[in-house]
N, C-alpha and C. Protein backbone atom coordinates (compact mmCIF):
# COMPACT_ATOMS: atom_id res chain seq x y z
N MET A 1 29.84 -19.42 13.10
CA MET A 1 29.51 -18.46 11.41
C MET A 1 30.06 -16.91 11.99
N PRO A 2 31.40 -16.05 11.75
CA PRO A 2 30.93 -14.72 12.26
C PRO A 2 29.77 -14.21 11.71
N ALA A 3 29.70 -13.30 12.38
CA ALA A 3 28.11 -12.19 11.84
C ALA A 3 29.30 -11.31 10.62
N PRO A 4 28.59 -10.74 9.89
CA PRO A 4 28.90 -9.89 8.41
C PRO A 4 29.51 -8.65 9.61
N ASP A 5 30.13 -8.05 8.74
CA ASP A 5 31.23 -6.88 9.61
C ASP A 5 31.09 -5.36 9.08
N VAL A 6 29.52 -5.19 9.00
CA VAL A 6 28.69 -4.82 8.57
C VAL A 6 28.37 -4.16 10.35
N PRO A 7 28.97 -2.41 10.11
CA PRO A 7 28.98 -1.83 11.85
C PRO A 7 27.84 -1.76 12.38
N ALA A 8 26.41 -2.09 13.53
CA ALA A 8 25.43 -2.03 13.90
C ALA A 8 24.84 -0.37 13.57
N HIS A 9 25.34 0.43 13.67
CA HIS A 9 25.15 1.79 13.47
C HIS A 9 24.87 2.14 11.89
N ASP A 10 26.34 1.46 11.00
CA ASP A 10 24.87 1.40 10.12
C ASP A 10 24.53 0.67 9.17
N VAL A 11 23.88 -0.87 9.69
CA VAL A 11 22.53 -0.86 9.88
C VAL A 11 21.61 -0.15 10.13
N ALA A 12 21.50 0.39 11.57
CA ALA A 12 20.40 0.58 11.77
C ALA A 12 20.24 2.22 11.75
N ARG A 13 21.41 2.81 10.14
CA ARG A 13 21.50 4.20 9.88
C ARG A 13 20.20 3.78 8.56
N LEU A 14 21.09 2.77 7.84
CA LEU A 14 20.02 2.63 6.94
C LEU A 14 18.69 1.84 6.68
N ILE A 15 18.26 1.05 8.13
CA ILE A 15 16.76 1.23 8.38
C ILE A 15 16.73 2.50 9.27
N ALA A 16 17.28 2.95 9.48
CA ALA A 16 16.21 4.14 9.76
C ALA A 16 16.31 5.41 8.65
N GLY A 17 17.05 5.58 7.83
CA GLY A 17 16.76 6.16 6.77
C GLY A 17 15.99 5.53 5.81
N LEU A 18 15.71 4.48 5.32
CA LEU A 18 14.73 4.21 5.00
C LEU A 18 13.43 4.04 5.21
N ALA A 19 13.24 4.31 7.22
CA ALA A 19 11.92 4.31 7.19
C ALA A 19 11.59 5.87 7.23
N SER A 20 12.24 6.76 7.27
CA SER A 20 11.75 8.09 7.62
C SER A 20 11.61 8.41 6.08
N ARG A 21 11.98 7.87 4.75
CA ARG A 21 11.93 7.69 3.33
C ARG A 21 10.37 7.26 3.39
N GLY A 22 9.86 6.35 4.47
CA GLY A 22 8.23 5.33 4.22
C GLY A 22 8.80 4.44 3.37
N LEU A 23 10.11 3.94 2.86
CA LEU A 23 10.60 2.70 2.22
C LEU A 23 10.49 1.38 2.57
N THR A 24 9.64 0.60 1.85
CA THR A 24 10.03 -0.86 2.19
C THR A 24 10.58 -1.58 1.47
N LEU A 25 11.08 -2.37 1.96
CA LEU A 25 12.78 -3.96 1.79
C LEU A 25 12.41 -5.19 0.98
N ALA A 26 12.01 -5.15 0.10
CA ALA A 26 12.28 -6.79 -0.20
C ALA A 26 13.10 -7.45 -0.27
N VAL A 27 13.25 -8.77 0.23
CA VAL A 27 15.38 -9.54 -0.29
C VAL A 27 14.75 -10.78 -0.67
N ALA A 28 15.50 -11.44 -2.12
CA ALA A 28 15.56 -12.24 -2.43
C ALA A 28 17.01 -12.90 -2.09
N GLU A 29 16.64 -14.34 -0.80
CA GLU A 29 19.02 -14.68 -1.81
C GLU A 29 18.83 -16.13 -1.54
N SER A 30 19.67 -16.49 -2.52
CA SER A 30 20.39 -17.48 -2.15
C SER A 30 21.42 -18.20 -1.67
N LEU A 31 23.11 -17.84 -2.59
CA LEU A 31 24.23 -18.05 -1.59
C LEU A 31 24.04 -17.33 0.03
N THR A 32 23.84 -16.22 0.19
CA THR A 32 23.53 -15.96 1.92
C THR A 32 22.89 -16.86 2.11
N GLY A 33 21.29 -17.17 1.91
CA GLY A 33 20.83 -18.83 3.23
C GLY A 33 19.72 -17.83 4.16
N GLY A 34 20.15 -16.63 3.81
CA GLY A 34 19.01 -15.51 5.31
C GLY A 34 19.99 -14.36 6.26
N LEU A 35 21.37 -14.56 5.61
CA LEU A 35 22.37 -14.26 6.50
C LEU A 35 22.06 -12.56 6.43
N LEU A 36 20.63 -11.75 5.12
CA LEU A 36 21.43 -10.63 4.51
C LEU A 36 19.57 -10.30 4.87
N VAL A 37 18.61 -11.35 5.27
CA VAL A 37 18.06 -10.31 5.83
C VAL A 37 18.09 -10.39 7.48
N ALA A 38 18.57 -11.46 7.90
CA ALA A 38 18.95 -11.38 9.05
C ALA A 38 19.72 -9.82 9.82
N GLU A 39 20.54 -10.20 8.37
CA GLU A 39 21.23 -8.91 9.38
C GLU A 39 20.97 -7.44 9.16
N LEU A 40 19.21 -7.26 7.98
CA LEU A 40 18.80 -6.38 8.06
C LEU A 40 17.62 -6.23 9.32
N ILE A 41 17.54 -6.79 9.79
CA ILE A 41 16.93 -6.95 10.68
C ILE A 41 16.76 -6.89 12.27
N ARG A 42 18.19 -7.02 12.60
CA ARG A 42 18.94 -6.39 13.36
C ARG A 42 18.12 -5.72 14.52
N PRO A 43 18.16 -4.14 13.93
CA PRO A 43 18.09 -2.58 14.19
C PRO A 43 16.56 -2.78 15.18
N ALA A 44 16.10 -1.88 15.59
CA ALA A 44 15.20 -2.08 16.28
C ALA A 44 14.50 -1.22 15.30
N GLY A 45 13.32 -1.64 14.72
CA GLY A 45 12.75 -0.35 13.39
C GLY A 45 12.40 -1.20 12.34
N ALA A 46 13.26 -1.66 11.84
CA ALA A 46 13.68 -3.23 11.22
C ALA A 46 11.80 -3.41 10.28
N SER A 47 11.35 -3.56 11.09
CA SER A 47 9.83 -3.96 11.21
C SER A 47 8.77 -3.42 9.65
N ALA A 48 9.66 -1.50 10.26
CA ALA A 48 8.83 -0.89 9.52
C ALA A 48 9.27 -0.88 8.23
N VAL A 49 10.27 -1.51 7.68
CA VAL A 49 10.79 -0.92 6.95
C VAL A 49 10.94 -2.81 5.77
N VAL A 50 11.57 -3.86 6.33
CA VAL A 50 12.27 -4.93 5.37
C VAL A 50 10.37 -5.63 6.37
N LEU A 51 9.86 -6.18 4.20
CA LEU A 51 8.64 -6.60 4.56
C LEU A 51 8.98 -8.44 4.89
N GLY A 52 9.86 -9.09 4.48
CA GLY A 52 10.79 -10.70 4.79
C GLY A 52 10.86 -10.56 3.36
N GLY A 53 11.64 -11.45 3.15
CA GLY A 53 13.12 -12.48 2.26
C GLY A 53 12.49 -13.45 2.41
N VAL A 54 12.88 -14.09 1.20
CA VAL A 54 12.39 -15.43 -0.16
C VAL A 54 14.10 -16.09 0.62
N VAL A 55 14.53 -17.53 0.63
CA VAL A 55 16.14 -18.14 0.66
C VAL A 55 15.20 -19.52 -0.52
N ALA A 56 15.87 -18.73 -1.56
CA ALA A 56 15.74 -19.47 -2.92
C ALA A 56 16.84 -20.57 -3.14
N TYR A 57 17.37 -20.72 -2.35
CA TYR A 57 18.35 -21.72 -2.52
C TYR A 57 18.74 -22.73 -3.66
N ASP A 58 17.89 -23.38 -3.90
CA ASP A 58 17.62 -24.29 -5.30
C ASP A 58 17.25 -23.72 -6.18
N THR A 59 18.06 -23.92 -7.64
CA THR A 59 17.63 -23.23 -8.72
C THR A 59 15.34 -23.10 -9.22
N GLU A 60 15.83 -24.28 -9.32
CA GLU A 60 13.63 -24.31 -9.28
C GLU A 60 13.17 -23.67 -8.37
N LEU A 61 13.82 -23.26 -7.24
CA LEU A 61 12.43 -21.71 -6.47
C LEU A 61 12.57 -20.82 -6.97
N LYS A 62 13.65 -19.84 -7.83
CA LYS A 62 13.85 -18.90 -8.56
C LYS A 62 13.05 -18.60 -9.50
N HIS A 63 12.59 -19.72 -9.65
CA HIS A 63 12.07 -19.66 -11.15
C HIS A 63 10.06 -19.73 -10.60
N THR A 64 9.87 -20.97 -9.68
CA THR A 64 8.65 -21.81 -9.28
C THR A 64 8.43 -20.19 -7.86
N LEU A 65 9.27 -19.52 -7.17
CA LEU A 65 8.06 -18.77 -6.27
C LEU A 65 9.60 -17.14 -6.79
N LEU A 66 9.60 -17.01 -7.18
CA LEU A 66 10.25 -15.68 -7.40
C LEU A 66 10.12 -15.32 -9.03
N GLY A 67 9.76 -15.97 -9.75
CA GLY A 67 8.93 -15.79 -11.53
C GLY A 67 10.73 -15.55 -12.36
N VAL A 68 11.75 -15.97 -12.23
CA VAL A 68 13.00 -15.82 -13.05
C VAL A 68 12.70 -16.58 -13.96
N ASP A 69 12.89 -16.39 -15.16
CA ASP A 69 12.85 -17.11 -16.44
C ASP A 69 13.67 -18.49 -16.49
N SER A 70 12.85 -19.38 -16.66
CA SER A 70 13.01 -20.68 -16.76
C SER A 70 13.97 -20.83 -17.93
N ALA A 71 13.91 -20.20 -19.21
CA ALA A 71 14.95 -20.86 -20.37
C ALA A 71 16.33 -19.49 -19.85
N LEU A 72 15.81 -18.37 -18.97
CA LEU A 72 17.50 -18.05 -19.06
C LEU A 72 18.00 -18.81 -17.91
N LEU A 73 17.51 -19.28 -16.83
CA LEU A 73 17.96 -20.51 -15.75
C LEU A 73 18.46 -21.83 -16.37
N ALA A 74 17.98 -22.12 -17.11
CA ALA A 74 18.41 -23.63 -18.74
C ALA A 74 19.71 -22.88 -19.30
N GLU A 75 19.72 -21.29 -19.59
CA GLU A 75 21.14 -21.42 -20.30
C GLU A 75 22.33 -21.18 -19.56
N HIS A 76 21.85 -20.80 -18.74
CA HIS A 76 22.76 -19.68 -17.44
C HIS A 76 22.83 -19.71 -16.72
N GLY A 77 22.26 -20.48 -15.87
CA GLY A 77 22.16 -21.04 -14.61
C GLY A 77 21.78 -20.06 -13.82
N PRO A 78 22.12 -20.52 -12.92
CA PRO A 78 21.58 -19.58 -11.24
C PRO A 78 22.17 -18.14 -11.11
N VAL A 79 24.00 -18.23 -11.65
CA VAL A 79 24.66 -17.52 -11.49
C VAL A 79 24.67 -16.34 -12.39
N HIS A 80 24.43 -14.94 -12.56
CA HIS A 80 24.17 -14.43 -13.38
C HIS A 80 23.43 -13.29 -13.38
N PRO A 81 24.22 -12.48 -14.48
CA PRO A 81 23.66 -11.26 -13.31
C PRO A 81 21.90 -10.64 -13.85
N ASP A 82 21.42 -11.31 -15.07
CA ASP A 82 20.10 -11.61 -15.48
C ASP A 82 19.35 -11.68 -14.40
N VAL A 83 19.82 -13.21 -13.81
CA VAL A 83 19.16 -14.43 -12.51
C VAL A 83 18.92 -12.96 -11.45
N ALA A 84 19.99 -12.34 -10.76
CA ALA A 84 20.08 -10.97 -9.85
C ALA A 84 19.20 -10.20 -9.62
N ARG A 85 19.21 -9.43 -11.30
CA ARG A 85 17.97 -8.57 -11.52
C ARG A 85 16.56 -9.42 -11.45
N GLN A 86 16.27 -10.36 -11.79
CA GLN A 86 14.78 -10.79 -11.48
C GLN A 86 14.76 -11.18 -10.85
N LEU A 87 15.35 -11.74 -10.03
CA LEU A 87 15.42 -11.76 -8.40
C LEU A 87 14.85 -10.49 -7.68
N ALA A 88 15.82 -9.19 -8.08
CA ALA A 88 15.41 -8.52 -6.88
C ALA A 88 13.88 -7.58 -7.35
N ARG A 89 13.54 -7.68 -9.19
CA ARG A 89 12.44 -7.20 -8.95
C ARG A 89 11.53 -7.98 -8.67
N ASN A 90 11.52 -9.02 -8.97
CA ASN A 90 10.70 -9.65 -8.69
C ASN A 90 10.08 -10.48 -7.28
N VAL A 91 10.69 -9.82 -6.28
CA VAL A 91 10.30 -10.02 -5.22
C VAL A 91 9.47 -8.87 -4.35
N ARG A 92 9.97 -7.75 -5.02
CA ARG A 92 9.00 -6.52 -4.81
C ARG A 92 7.89 -7.11 -4.93
N ASP A 93 7.51 -7.84 -5.79
CA ASP A 93 5.85 -8.15 -6.44
C ASP A 93 5.43 -9.03 -5.54
N ARG A 94 6.46 -10.33 -5.11
CA ARG A 94 6.33 -11.35 -4.83
C ARG A 94 5.82 -11.18 -3.25
N LEU A 95 6.46 -10.51 -2.80
CA LEU A 95 6.68 -9.80 -1.19
C LEU A 95 5.15 -8.77 -0.51
N ALA A 96 4.68 -8.39 -1.50
CA ALA A 96 3.68 -7.00 -1.51
C ALA A 96 3.24 -7.45 -0.01
N VAL A 97 2.45 -6.35 0.27
CA VAL A 97 1.89 -6.54 1.51
C VAL A 97 0.81 -5.56 0.88
N ALA A 98 -0.67 -5.92 1.35
CA ALA A 98 -1.81 -4.96 0.83
C ALA A 98 -2.00 -4.93 -0.42
N GLY A 99 -1.36 -5.45 -1.14
CA GLY A 99 -1.19 -5.09 -2.52
C GLY A 99 -0.24 -4.45 -3.17
N ARG A 100 0.73 -3.78 -2.17
CA ARG A 100 1.34 -2.71 -1.93
C ARG A 100 2.59 -3.12 -2.01
N PRO A 101 3.97 -2.97 -3.61
CA PRO A 101 4.62 -4.02 -3.26
C PRO A 101 6.27 -3.32 -3.10
N ALA A 102 7.16 -4.34 -2.32
CA ALA A 102 8.15 -3.59 -1.58
C ALA A 102 8.58 -1.96 -2.96
N ASP A 103 9.22 -1.09 -1.97
CA ASP A 103 10.10 0.21 -2.92
C ASP A 103 11.19 -0.27 -3.31
N ILE A 104 11.81 -1.25 -2.57
CA ILE A 104 13.24 -1.77 -3.42
C ILE A 104 13.34 -3.60 -3.13
N GLY A 105 13.68 -3.96 -3.68
CA GLY A 105 14.38 -5.25 -3.93
C GLY A 105 15.76 -5.39 -4.07
N ILE A 106 16.52 -6.39 -3.61
CA ILE A 106 18.01 -6.44 -3.52
C ILE A 106 17.69 -7.99 -3.25
N ALA A 107 18.20 -8.82 -4.23
CA ALA A 107 19.07 -10.08 -3.95
C ALA A 107 20.62 -10.13 -3.81
N THR A 108 20.75 -12.03 -4.11
CA THR A 108 22.39 -12.08 -4.03
C THR A 108 22.17 -13.45 -4.54
N THR A 109 23.05 -14.09 -5.61
CA THR A 109 23.29 -15.28 -6.17
C THR A 109 24.41 -15.34 -6.74
N GLY A 110 24.77 -16.78 -6.36
CA GLY A 110 26.15 -16.93 -6.72
C GLY A 110 27.45 -17.65 -5.90
N VAL A 111 28.09 -18.35 -5.75
CA VAL A 111 28.64 -19.98 -5.78
C VAL A 111 29.62 -18.89 -4.62
N ALA A 112 29.63 -19.26 -3.20
CA ALA A 112 30.34 -19.11 -1.92
C ALA A 112 31.25 -20.07 -2.00
N GLY A 113 31.20 -21.58 -2.71
CA GLY A 113 31.98 -22.96 -2.63
C GLY A 113 32.17 -23.86 -1.95
N PRO A 114 32.91 -24.70 -1.57
CA PRO A 114 34.13 -24.37 -2.34
C PRO A 114 34.48 -24.79 -3.61
N ASP A 115 33.79 -25.54 -4.22
CA ASP A 115 33.81 -26.02 -5.58
C ASP A 115 32.77 -25.59 -6.56
N PRO A 116 33.25 -24.92 -8.28
CA PRO A 116 32.84 -24.13 -9.27
C PRO A 116 31.25 -25.15 -9.11
N GLN A 117 30.68 -23.97 -9.39
CA GLN A 117 29.32 -24.75 -9.68
C GLN A 117 28.78 -23.80 -11.36
N GLY A 118 27.92 -24.54 -11.84
CA GLY A 118 27.55 -24.53 -13.60
C GLY A 118 28.48 -23.74 -14.38
N GLY A 119 29.67 -24.36 -14.31
CA GLY A 119 31.29 -22.86 -14.96
C GLY A 119 31.42 -22.11 -14.29
N GLN A 120 30.65 -21.34 -12.74
CA GLN A 120 31.55 -20.24 -12.22
C GLN A 120 32.38 -20.32 -11.32
N GLN A 121 33.19 -19.84 -10.78
CA GLN A 121 34.23 -20.17 -9.77
C GLN A 121 33.76 -19.30 -8.19
N PRO A 122 34.27 -20.09 -7.69
CA PRO A 122 33.83 -19.56 -6.04
C PRO A 122 33.51 -17.94 -5.66
N GLY A 123 33.19 -17.15 -5.64
CA GLY A 123 33.28 -16.03 -5.10
C GLY A 123 33.35 -15.36 -6.11
N THR A 124 31.99 -15.79 -7.38
CA THR A 124 31.45 -14.97 -8.38
C THR A 124 29.99 -14.85 -7.59
N VAL A 125 30.07 -13.97 -7.48
CA VAL A 125 28.63 -13.35 -6.66
C VAL A 125 27.80 -12.24 -7.77
N PHE A 126 26.50 -12.12 -8.05
CA PHE A 126 25.83 -10.87 -8.38
C PHE A 126 25.05 -10.31 -8.04
N LEU A 127 24.56 -9.22 -7.16
CA LEU A 127 23.72 -8.26 -6.38
C LEU A 127 22.55 -8.21 -7.39
N GLY A 128 21.73 -8.04 -6.75
CA GLY A 128 20.34 -7.24 -7.76
C GLY A 128 19.55 -6.62 -7.12
N LEU A 129 19.33 -5.12 -7.66
CA LEU A 129 19.09 -3.83 -6.63
C LEU A 129 17.74 -3.38 -7.55
N SER A 130 16.73 -3.55 -7.29
CA SER A 130 15.19 -2.97 -8.26
C SER A 130 15.08 -1.78 -6.74
N MET A 131 14.99 -0.31 -7.63
CA MET A 131 14.12 0.41 -6.54
C MET A 131 13.53 1.48 -7.98
N GLY A 132 12.47 2.40 -7.59
CA GLY A 132 11.01 2.59 -8.58
C GLY A 132 11.22 1.82 -10.09
N GLU A 133 11.71 2.28 -11.22
CA GLU A 133 11.75 1.67 -12.49
C GLU A 133 13.03 1.29 -12.78
N GLU A 134 14.31 1.15 -11.94
CA GLU A 134 15.36 0.74 -12.58
C GLU A 134 16.00 -0.96 -11.59
N THR A 135 16.12 -1.58 -12.42
CA THR A 135 16.99 -2.85 -11.59
C THR A 135 18.27 -2.49 -12.14
N ARG A 136 18.97 -3.02 -11.47
CA ARG A 136 20.59 -3.13 -12.06
C ARG A 136 20.69 -4.75 -11.69
N SER A 137 22.58 -5.09 -11.39
CA SER A 137 23.19 -5.91 -11.29
C SER A 137 24.29 -5.43 -10.74
N ARG A 138 25.30 -5.84 -10.18
CA ARG A 138 26.36 -5.55 -9.75
C ARG A 138 27.08 -6.46 -8.99
N ARG A 139 28.25 -6.97 -10.09
CA ARG A 139 29.44 -8.30 -9.60
C ARG A 139 30.13 -8.42 -8.83
N LEU A 140 30.46 -8.93 -8.19
CA LEU A 140 31.40 -9.45 -7.00
C LEU A 140 32.13 -10.51 -7.18
N GLU A 141 33.71 -10.07 -7.49
CA GLU A 141 34.71 -11.44 -7.49
C GLU A 141 35.09 -11.45 -6.20
N LEU A 142 34.65 -12.66 -5.08
CA LEU A 142 35.01 -12.72 -3.57
C LEU A 142 36.60 -13.52 -2.92
N THR A 143 37.17 -13.32 -2.60
CA THR A 143 37.92 -14.75 -2.54
C THR A 143 37.67 -15.02 -0.58
N GLY A 144 38.05 -16.22 -0.87
CA GLY A 144 38.42 -16.35 0.95
C GLY A 144 37.48 -17.37 1.15
N SER A 145 37.09 -18.24 2.37
CA SER A 145 36.53 -19.32 2.88
C SER A 145 34.24 -19.37 2.45
N ARG A 146 34.16 -20.11 2.20
CA ARG A 146 32.47 -20.30 1.80
C ARG A 146 31.99 -19.32 3.06
N ASP A 147 32.20 -19.36 4.00
CA ASP A 147 31.37 -18.45 4.57
C ASP A 147 32.18 -16.95 4.57
N GLU A 148 32.95 -16.25 4.27
CA GLU A 148 33.86 -15.14 4.17
C GLU A 148 32.55 -15.11 3.09
N ILE A 149 32.76 -15.75 1.79
CA ILE A 149 32.50 -15.44 0.67
C ILE A 149 31.05 -14.85 1.08
N ARG A 150 30.49 -15.58 1.47
CA ARG A 150 28.80 -15.04 2.39
C ARG A 150 28.83 -14.05 2.92
N ILE A 151 29.63 -13.94 3.96
CA ILE A 151 29.57 -12.37 5.03
C ILE A 151 30.43 -11.03 3.96
N ARG A 152 30.78 -11.39 3.16
CA ARG A 152 31.48 -10.41 2.22
C ARG A 152 30.11 -9.80 1.56
N THR A 153 29.34 -10.85 0.54
CA THR A 153 28.01 -10.75 0.12
C THR A 153 27.42 -9.90 0.62
N VAL A 154 26.94 -10.07 1.59
CA VAL A 154 25.98 -9.70 3.23
C VAL A 154 26.63 -7.87 3.20
N GLU A 155 27.51 -7.39 3.58
CA GLU A 155 28.27 -6.72 3.44
C GLU A 155 27.79 -5.54 2.62
N GLU A 156 28.24 -6.34 1.44
CA GLU A 156 28.44 -5.18 -0.43
C GLU A 156 26.69 -4.76 -0.26
N ALA A 157 25.97 -5.86 -0.55
CA ALA A 157 24.39 -5.62 -0.52
C ALA A 157 23.80 -4.73 0.63
N ILE A 158 23.96 -4.27 1.74
CA ILE A 158 23.93 -3.62 2.52
C ILE A 158 24.76 -1.87 2.34
N ARG A 159 26.14 -2.20 1.51
CA ARG A 159 26.49 -0.86 1.00
C ARG A 159 26.36 -0.27 0.45
N TRP A 160 25.23 -0.99 -0.51
CA TRP A 160 24.90 -0.81 -2.18
C TRP A 160 23.49 -0.40 -1.75
N ILE A 161 23.04 -0.94 -1.22
CA ILE A 161 21.40 0.04 -1.12
C ILE A 161 21.98 0.86 0.18
N GLY A 162 23.18 1.23 0.37
CA GLY A 162 23.03 2.89 0.93
C GLY A 162 23.67 3.41 0.37
N GLU A 163 24.63 2.76 -0.32
CA GLU A 163 25.01 4.11 -1.96
C GLU A 163 23.30 4.75 -2.87
N ALA A 164 22.60 3.79 -2.76
CA ALA A 164 21.27 3.37 -3.65
C ALA A 164 20.91 4.88 -3.22
N LEU A 165 20.08 5.11 -2.08
CA LEU A 165 19.50 5.70 -1.53
C LEU A 165 20.44 7.25 -1.16
N GLU A 166 22.11 7.22 -0.68
CA GLU A 166 22.86 8.29 -0.64
C GLU A 166 22.25 9.25 -2.06
N ARG A 167 22.75 8.48 -3.40
CA ARG A 167 22.47 9.33 -4.64
C ARG A 167 21.00 9.04 -5.00
N GLY A 168 20.19 8.59 -4.27
CA GLY A 168 18.75 8.83 -5.14
C GLY A 168 18.62 8.12 -6.02
N LEU A 169 19.45 7.32 -6.24
CA LEU A 169 19.33 6.33 -7.36
C LEU A 169 20.37 5.22 -7.13
N VAL A 170 19.89 3.70 -8.46
CA VAL A 170 20.57 2.46 -8.37
C VAL A 170 21.99 2.88 -8.87
N SER A 171 23.34 2.99 -8.00
CA SER A 171 24.62 2.51 -9.13
C SER A 171 25.15 1.34 -9.82
N THR A 172 25.54 0.73 -10.86
CA THR A 172 25.47 -0.24 -11.10
C THR A 172 27.64 -0.95 -10.99
N GLY A 173 27.45 -1.81 -10.74
CA GLY A 173 29.14 -1.77 -10.77
C GLY A 173 29.01 -3.40 -12.57
N GLU A 174 28.12 -3.67 -12.86
CA GLU A 174 28.30 -4.28 -14.28
C GLU A 174 27.89 -3.79 -15.49
């Protein structure tokens, strides 16, 4: 699979910006299966920022590892804006280091395809982003192959973190 199309200098700039602010990041991934955290740790200096990532591909793991409400998962399935928000918020605590939660949580959940899942069409993706007291979700409607959808999800997640840092807040598309 080709690498995400986020220029290396953009990821390096994001990591440097987080480091200069003393911020840490935790990642919860489903459909991206580790691609997002792999992209985030590519630049030198990432170890000062990226605490780690959890790949919770199976729906039950979203509950047992990352504390997503089981009733929410039962009612709506894993591809839902509230699931993305809970993943992003909860991964901050689950990946706490020395009792200190991550400053930022980012999450991906969606359907890469090729077939629909839980009534959702391929390309339906939700990102979750949690910073400070704010936790938001962003819906993406992506097209392309399974790999292209996963790569675009990583690109959009990285862009959203950068936008949030530039604005000093979490913006939403949901």
